[in-house]
């Protein structure tokens, strides 16, 4: 999971917290079939990986929240991509768009005259 977070950090040039979130959603997207076939067992594996990541990064209590939110994001991406779509590609596009928009807004704020 840490490797996936570092990859996301490099892919999107974002901070560690956002990269961790991207890595968790990517894990759900990658294991969609496992979640359908193995159900609770696959969810337990993902939950364990998220807990390990959170233990390295911060309070353990946040692992459940991160897992639930990532699961919801992955479900929404799959639904948005449609039956023939690629939810992983959609996720990459959404993250890149959001990061670019945030950077543009920050630049605009910095360049705006005080007053």
Protein backbone atom coordinates (compact mmCIF):
# COMPACT_ATOMS: atom_id res chain seq x y z
CA UNK A 1 0.00 0.00 0.00
CA UNK A 2 2.85 2.39 0.75
CA UNK A 3 4.29 1.73 -2.71
CA UNK A 4 0.91 2.50 -4.28
CA UNK A 5 0.71 5.71 -2.28
CA UNK A 6 4.17 6.77 -3.45
CA UNK A 7 3.19 5.93 -7.03
CA UNK A 8 0.06 8.06 -6.73
CA UNK A 9 2.12 10.87 -5.21
CA UNK A 10 4.45 10.79 -8.21
CA UNK A 11 1.66 10.27 -10.77
CA UNK A 12 -0.30 13.32 -9.64
CA UNK A 13 2.40 15.38 -7.87
CA UNK A 14 0.26 15.66 -4.74
CA UNK A 15 0.85 15.51 -1.00
CA UNK A 16 0.96 12.29 1.00
CA UNK A 17 -2.60 12.50 2.37
CA UNK A 18 -4.19 12.78 -1.08
CA UNK A 19 -1.86 10.11 -2.46
CA UNK A 20 -2.95 7.76 0.34
CA UNK A 21 -6.59 8.32 -0.59
CA UNK A 22 -5.86 7.70 -4.26
CA UNK A 23 -4.01 4.48 -3.38
CA UNK A 24 -6.93 3.18 -1.34
CA UNK A 25 -9.47 3.90 -4.09
CA UNK A 26 -7.17 2.29 -6.64
CA UNK A 27 -7.05 -0.81 -4.41
CA UNK A 28 -10.85 -1.06 -4.46
CA UNK A 29 -10.90 -0.59 -8.23
CA UNK A 30 -8.22 -3.22 -8.74
CA UNK A 31 -9.99 -5.79 -6.55
CA UNK A 32 -13.55 -5.34 -7.86
CA UNK A 33 -13.79 -8.96 -8.97
CA UNK A 34 -12.41 -10.17 -5.63
CA UNK A 35 -14.99 -8.08 -3.80
CA UNK A 36 -17.79 -9.66 -5.85
CA UNK A 37 -16.53 -13.23 -5.55
CA UNK A 38 -15.00 -13.24 -2.08
CA UNK A 39 -17.13 -10.59 -0.43
CA UNK A 40 -16.21 -10.22 3.21
CA UNK A 41 -12.82 -11.93 2.83
CA UNK A 42 -11.71 -9.44 0.16
CA UNK A 43 -13.09 -6.54 2.20
CA UNK A 44 -11.12 -7.77 5.22
CA UNK A 45 -7.91 -7.82 3.14
CA UNK A 46 -8.50 -4.28 1.95
CA UNK A 47 -9.43 -3.13 5.44
CA UNK A 48 -6.22 -4.67 6.81
CA UNK A 49 -4.12 -2.89 4.17
CA UNK A 50 -5.81 0.42 4.94
CA UNK A 51 -5.25 -0.08 8.68
CA UNK A 52 -1.54 -0.69 8.07
CA UNK A 53 -1.32 2.45 5.95
CA UNK A 54 -3.15 4.52 8.55
CA UNK A 55 -0.96 3.14 11.36
CA UNK A 56 2.08 4.41 9.48
CA UNK A 57 0.47 7.79 8.74
CA UNK A 58 -1.76 8.61 11.68
CA UNK A 59 -4.52 7.56 14.08
CA UNK A 60 -5.83 4.02 13.66
CA UNK A 61 -9.44 5.12 14.19
CA UNK A 62 -9.51 6.79 10.80
CA UNK A 63 -8.95 3.51 8.92
CA UNK A 64 -12.64 2.56 8.98
CA UNK A 65 -13.67 5.96 7.64
CA UNK A 66 -11.07 5.80 4.87
CA UNK A 67 -12.15 2.28 3.91
CA UNK A 68 -15.84 3.20 3.72
CA UNK A 69 -15.20 6.39 1.75
CA UNK A 70 -12.86 4.66 -0.70
CA UNK A 71 -15.41 1.91 -1.21
CA UNK A 72 -18.09 4.49 -2.00
CA UNK A 73 -15.82 6.36 -4.42
CA UNK A 74 -14.94 3.13 -6.22
CA UNK A 75 -18.63 2.22 -6.51
CA UNK A 76 -19.51 5.64 -7.90
CA UNK A 77 -16.66 5.47 -10.39
CA UNK A 78 -17.77 2.05 -11.61
CA UNK A 79 -21.33 3.29 -12.02
CA UNK A 80 -20.20 6.48 -13.76
CA UNK A 81 -17.92 4.62 -16.15
CA UNK A 82 -20.77 2.36 -17.23
CA UNK A 83 -20.66 -1.32 -18.16
CA UNK A 84 -18.08 -0.89 -20.93
CA UNK A 85 -16.13 1.96 -19.31
CA UNK A 86 -12.85 1.98 -17.41
CA UNK A 87 -13.36 3.23 -13.84
CA UNK A 88 -9.59 3.38 -13.24
CA UNK A 89 -9.05 5.67 -16.23
CA UNK A 90 -12.03 7.77 -15.12
CA UNK A 91 -10.52 8.04 -11.62
CA UNK A 92 -7.17 9.18 -13.02
CA UNK A 93 -8.93 11.79 -15.14
CA UNK A 94 -11.03 13.05 -12.23
CA UNK A 95 -8.00 13.34 -9.92
CA UNK A 96 -5.90 15.12 -12.55
CA UNK A 97 -8.76 17.54 -13.29
CA UNK A 98 -9.33 18.30 -9.61
CA UNK A 99 -5.63 18.80 -8.87
CA UNK A 100 -5.23 21.08 -11.91
CA UNK A 101 -8.29 23.10 -10.89
CA UNK A 102 -7.05 23.47 -7.31
CA UNK A 103 -3.63 24.61 -8.51
CA UNK A 104 -5.18 27.13 -10.89
CA UNK A 105 -7.34 28.51 -8.09
CA UNK A 106 -4.34 28.78 -5.76
CA UNK A 107 -2.36 30.60 -8.44
CA UNK A 108 -5.26 33.00 -9.04
CA UNK A 109 -5.54 33.70 -5.32
CA UNK A 110 -1.80 34.41 -5.04
CA UNK A 111 -1.88 36.76 -8.04
CA UNK A 112 -5.01 38.62 -6.91
CA UNK A 113 -4.20 42.08 -5.55
CA UNK A 114 -4.87 42.62 -1.85
CA UNK A 115 -7.70 44.93 -1.05
